[in-house]
Amino acid sequence: MNGHRVVALVSDLMDRSRLSVAVPGIELASDLAAVAGADVVVVDLTRHAGALADVRSRAPDAFLVAYGPHVDDAALEAARSAGADRVLPRSRFFKDAAAALSRDEQPPDR
């Protein structure tokens, strides 16, 4: 992403694979310490919803993007409340992950 350090806190192997293809150079992390200094942080709410406040404290200036199941309204709303800059249902996030991670672009509607 044009010189920006992008770190993804994503455990699912299929999601990791899709992100690696969509966002060249993305760092796939399993440890919260890896998000420090990142410009963009991606968080999979299915596995890491409870880590959002910690992510925000470790990377206070990062553009924080969270995604989760479209049927889990509570998790999506909790992510917004915890300080995520963009919160998307999983299907919308993966429709164009690169756009979802850009502050300047809006991801596709559906």
C-alpha atoms as a PDB file:
ATOM      1  CA  MET A   1       0.000   0.000   0.000  1.00  0.00           C
ATOM      2  CA  ASN A   2       2.348   2.656  -1.251  1.00  0.00           C
ATOM      3  CA  GLY A   3       4.909   2.679   1.522  1.00  0.00           C
ATOM      4  CA  HIS A   4       2.456   2.159   4.354  1.00  0.00           C
ATOM      5  CA  ARG A   5       3.079  -0.596   6.856  1.00  0.00           C
ATOM      6  CA  VAL A   6      -0.023  -2.793   6.986  1.00  0.00           C
ATOM      7  CA  VAL A   7      -0.385  -5.407   9.717  1.00  0.00           C
ATOM      8  CA  ALA A   8      -3.234  -7.914   9.875  1.00  0.00           C
ATOM      9  CA  LEU A   9      -4.293  -9.571  13.105  1.00  0.00           C
ATOM     10  CA  VAL A  10      -5.959 -12.464  11.298  1.00  0.00           C
ATOM     11  CA  SER A  11      -5.804 -16.133  12.255  1.00  0.00           C
ATOM     12  CA  ASP A  12      -7.952 -17.812   9.594  1.00  0.00           C
ATOM     13  CA  LEU A  13      -5.702 -19.357   6.930  1.00  0.00           C
ATOM     14  CA  MET A  14      -8.076 -18.607   4.044  1.00  0.00           C
ATOM     15  CA  ASP A  15      -8.369 -14.963   5.116  1.00  0.00           C
ATOM     16  CA  ARG A  16      -4.588 -14.721   5.414  1.00  0.00           C
ATOM     17  CA  SER A  17      -4.185 -16.089   1.916  1.00  0.00           C
ATOM     18  CA  ARG A  18      -6.751 -13.702   0.447  1.00  0.00           C
ATOM     19  CA  LEU A  19      -5.128 -10.713   2.177  1.00  0.00           C
ATOM     20  CA  SER A  20      -1.650 -11.690   0.984  1.00  0.00           C
ATOM     21  CA  VAL A  21      -2.885 -11.637  -2.603  1.00  0.00           C
ATOM     22  CA  ALA A  22      -4.954  -8.447  -2.277  1.00  0.00           C
ATOM     23  CA  VAL A  23      -2.397  -6.414  -0.307  1.00  0.00           C
ATOM     24  CA  PRO A  24       1.217  -7.142  -1.315  1.00  0.00           C
ATOM     25  CA  GLY A  25       3.634  -6.698   1.575  1.00  0.00           C
ATOM     26  CA  ILE A  26       1.003  -7.084   4.287  1.00  0.00           C
ATOM     27  CA  GLU A  27       2.374  -8.435   7.561  1.00  0.00           C
ATOM     28  CA  LEU A  28       0.307 -11.281   8.974  1.00  0.00           C
ATOM     29  CA  ALA A  29       0.584 -11.232  12.751  1.00  0.00           C
ATOM     30  CA  SER A  30      -0.601 -13.371  15.603  1.00  0.00           C
ATOM     31  CA  ASP A  31       1.019 -11.267  18.333  1.00  0.00           C
ATOM     32  CA  LEU A  32      -0.323  -7.866  19.392  1.00  0.00           C
ATOM     33  CA  ALA A  33       3.203  -6.492  19.701  1.00  0.00           C
ATOM     34  CA  ALA A  34       3.499  -6.640  15.895  1.00  0.00           C
ATOM     35  CA  VAL A  35       0.963  -3.830  15.398  1.00  0.00           C
ATOM     36  CA  ALA A  36       3.159  -1.193  17.049  1.00  0.00           C
ATOM     37  CA  GLY A  37       4.151   1.428  14.500  1.00  0.00           C
ATOM     38  CA  ALA A  38       1.784   0.185  11.807  1.00  0.00           C
ATOM     39  CA  ASP A  39       0.072   2.659   9.498  1.00  0.00           C
ATOM     40  CA  VAL A  40      -2.905   0.364   8.923  1.00  0.00           C
ATOM     41  CA  VAL A  41      -4.099  -2.483  11.135  1.00  0.00           C
ATOM     42  CA  VAL A  42      -6.656  -5.104  10.083  1.00  0.00           C
ATOM     43  CA  VAL A  43      -8.507  -7.017  12.792  1.00  0.00           C
ATOM     44  CA  ASP A  44     -10.639 -10.121  12.276  1.00  0.00           C
ATOM     45  CA  LEU A  45     -13.413  -9.703  14.842  1.00  0.00           C
ATOM     46  CA  THR A  46     -14.209 -13.404  14.849  1.00  0.00           C
ATOM     47  CA  ARG A  47     -10.958 -14.190  16.638  1.00  0.00           C
ATOM     48  CA  HIS A  48      -9.623 -10.858  17.909  1.00  0.00           C
ATOM     49  CA  ALA A  49     -12.586  -8.646  18.858  1.00  0.00           C
ATOM     50  CA  GLY A  50     -11.363  -8.358  22.426  1.00  0.00           C
ATOM     51  CA  ALA A  51      -8.006  -6.981  21.283  1.00  0.00           C
ATOM     52  CA  LEU A  52      -9.246  -3.751  19.650  1.00  0.00           C
ATOM     53  CA  ALA A  53      -8.549  -1.466  22.606  1.00  0.00           C
ATOM     54  CA  ASP A  54      -5.075  -2.963  22.952  1.00  0.00           C
ATOM     55  CA  VAL A  55      -4.445  -2.571  19.213  1.00  0.00           C
ATOM     56  CA  ARG A  56      -5.505   1.070  19.398  1.00  0.00           C
ATOM     57  CA  SER A  57      -3.174   1.727  22.352  1.00  0.00           C
ATOM     58  CA  ARG A  58      -0.220   0.059  20.578  1.00  0.00           C
ATOM     59  CA  ALA A  59      -0.868   1.827  17.258  1.00  0.00           C
ATOM     60  CA  PRO A  60      -2.702   5.040  18.205  1.00  0.00           C
ATOM     61  CA  ASP A  61      -2.282   6.733  14.808  1.00  0.00           C
ATOM     62  CA  ALA A  62      -3.047   3.685  12.663  1.00  0.00           C
ATOM     63  CA  PHE A  63      -6.073   3.424  10.402  1.00  0.00           C
ATOM     64  CA  LEU A  64      -7.858   0.556  12.145  1.00  0.00           C
ATOM     65  CA  VAL A  65     -10.057  -1.648   9.956  1.00  0.00           C
ATOM     66  CA  ALA A  66     -12.160  -4.403  11.526  1.00  0.00           C
ATOM     67  CA  TYR A  67     -14.289  -7.013   9.800  1.00  0.00           C
ATOM     68  CA  GLY A  68     -16.594  -9.736  11.019  1.00  0.00           C
ATOM     69  CA  PRO A  69     -19.685 -11.786  10.232  1.00  0.00           C
ATOM     70  CA  HIS A  70     -22.585  -9.722   8.892  1.00  0.00           C
ATOM     71  CA  VAL A  71     -24.911 -11.491  11.329  1.00  0.00           C
ATOM     72  CA  ASP A  72     -22.914 -10.369  14.369  1.00  0.00           C
ATOM     73  CA  ASP A  73     -24.243  -6.834  14.772  1.00  0.00           C
ATOM     74  CA  ALA A  74     -23.051  -6.698  18.373  1.00  0.00           C
ATOM     75  CA  ALA A  75     -19.419  -7.371  17.420  1.00  0.00           C
ATOM     76  CA  LEU A  76     -19.524  -4.852  14.565  1.00  0.00           C
ATOM     77  CA  GLU A  77     -20.990  -2.164  16.820  1.00  0.00           C
ATOM     78  CA  ALA A  78     -18.533  -2.993  19.625  1.00  0.00           C
ATOM     79  CA  ALA A  79     -15.677  -2.522  17.140  1.00  0.00           C
ATOM     80  CA  ARG A  80     -16.967   0.936  16.263  1.00  0.00           C
ATOM     81  CA  SER A  81     -17.246   1.787  19.959  1.00  0.00           C
ATOM     82  CA  ALA A  82     -13.722   0.487  20.599  1.00  0.00           C
ATOM     83  CA  GLY A  83     -12.271   2.946  18.092  1.00  0.00           C
ATOM     84  CA  ALA A  84     -12.106   1.128  14.768  1.00  0.00           C
ATOM     85  CA  ASP A  85     -12.002   3.645  11.919  1.00  0.00           C
ATOM     86  CA  ARG A  86     -13.797   1.354   9.473  1.00  0.00           C
ATOM     87  CA  VAL A  87     -15.962  -1.647  10.355  1.00  0.00           C
ATOM     88  CA  LEU A  88     -17.266  -3.915   7.628  1.00  0.00           C
ATOM     89  CA  PRO A  89     -19.061  -7.210   7.258  1.00  0.00           C
ATOM     90  CA  ARG A  90     -16.610  -9.889   6.135  1.00  0.00           C
ATOM     91  CA  SER A  91     -18.123 -10.271   2.644  1.00  0.00           C
ATOM     92  CA  ARG A  92     -17.912  -6.546   1.939  1.00  0.00           C
ATOM     93  CA  PHE A  93     -14.355  -6.349   3.271  1.00  0.00           C
ATOM     94  CA  PHE A  94     -13.121  -9.125   0.989  1.00  0.00           C
ATOM     95  CA  LYS A  95     -14.964  -7.823  -2.065  1.00  0.00           C
ATOM     96  CA  ASP A  96     -12.110  -5.277  -2.318  1.00  0.00           C
ATOM     97  CA  ALA A  97      -9.741  -5.558   0.637  1.00  0.00           C
ATOM     98  CA  ALA A  98      -7.292  -3.027  -0.796  1.00  0.00           C
ATOM     99  CA  ALA A  99     -10.034  -0.370  -0.999  1.00  0.00           C
ATOM    100  CA  ALA A 100     -11.213  -1.257   2.497  1.00  0.00           C
ATOM    101  CA  LEU A 101      -7.729  -0.522   3.841  1.00  0.00           C
ATOM    102  CA  SER A 102      -7.401   2.834   2.114  1.00  0.00           C
ATOM    103  CA  ARG A 103      -8.368   5.982   3.979  1.00  0.00           C
ATOM    104  CA  ASP A 104      -9.083   7.602   0.606  1.00  0.00           C
ATOM    105  CA  GLU A 105     -11.279   4.957  -0.971  1.00  0.00           C
ATOM    106  CA  GLN A 106     -14.616   3.517   0.015  1.00  0.00           C
ATOM    107  CA  PRO A 107     -15.071  -0.242  -0.260  1.00  0.00           C
ATOM    108  CA  PRO A 108     -17.816  -1.604  -2.535  1.00  0.00           C
ATOM    109  CA  ASP A 109     -21.341  -1.473  -1.129  1.00  0.00           C
ATOM    110  CA  ARG A 110     -22.014  -5.158  -1.463  1.00  0.00           C
END
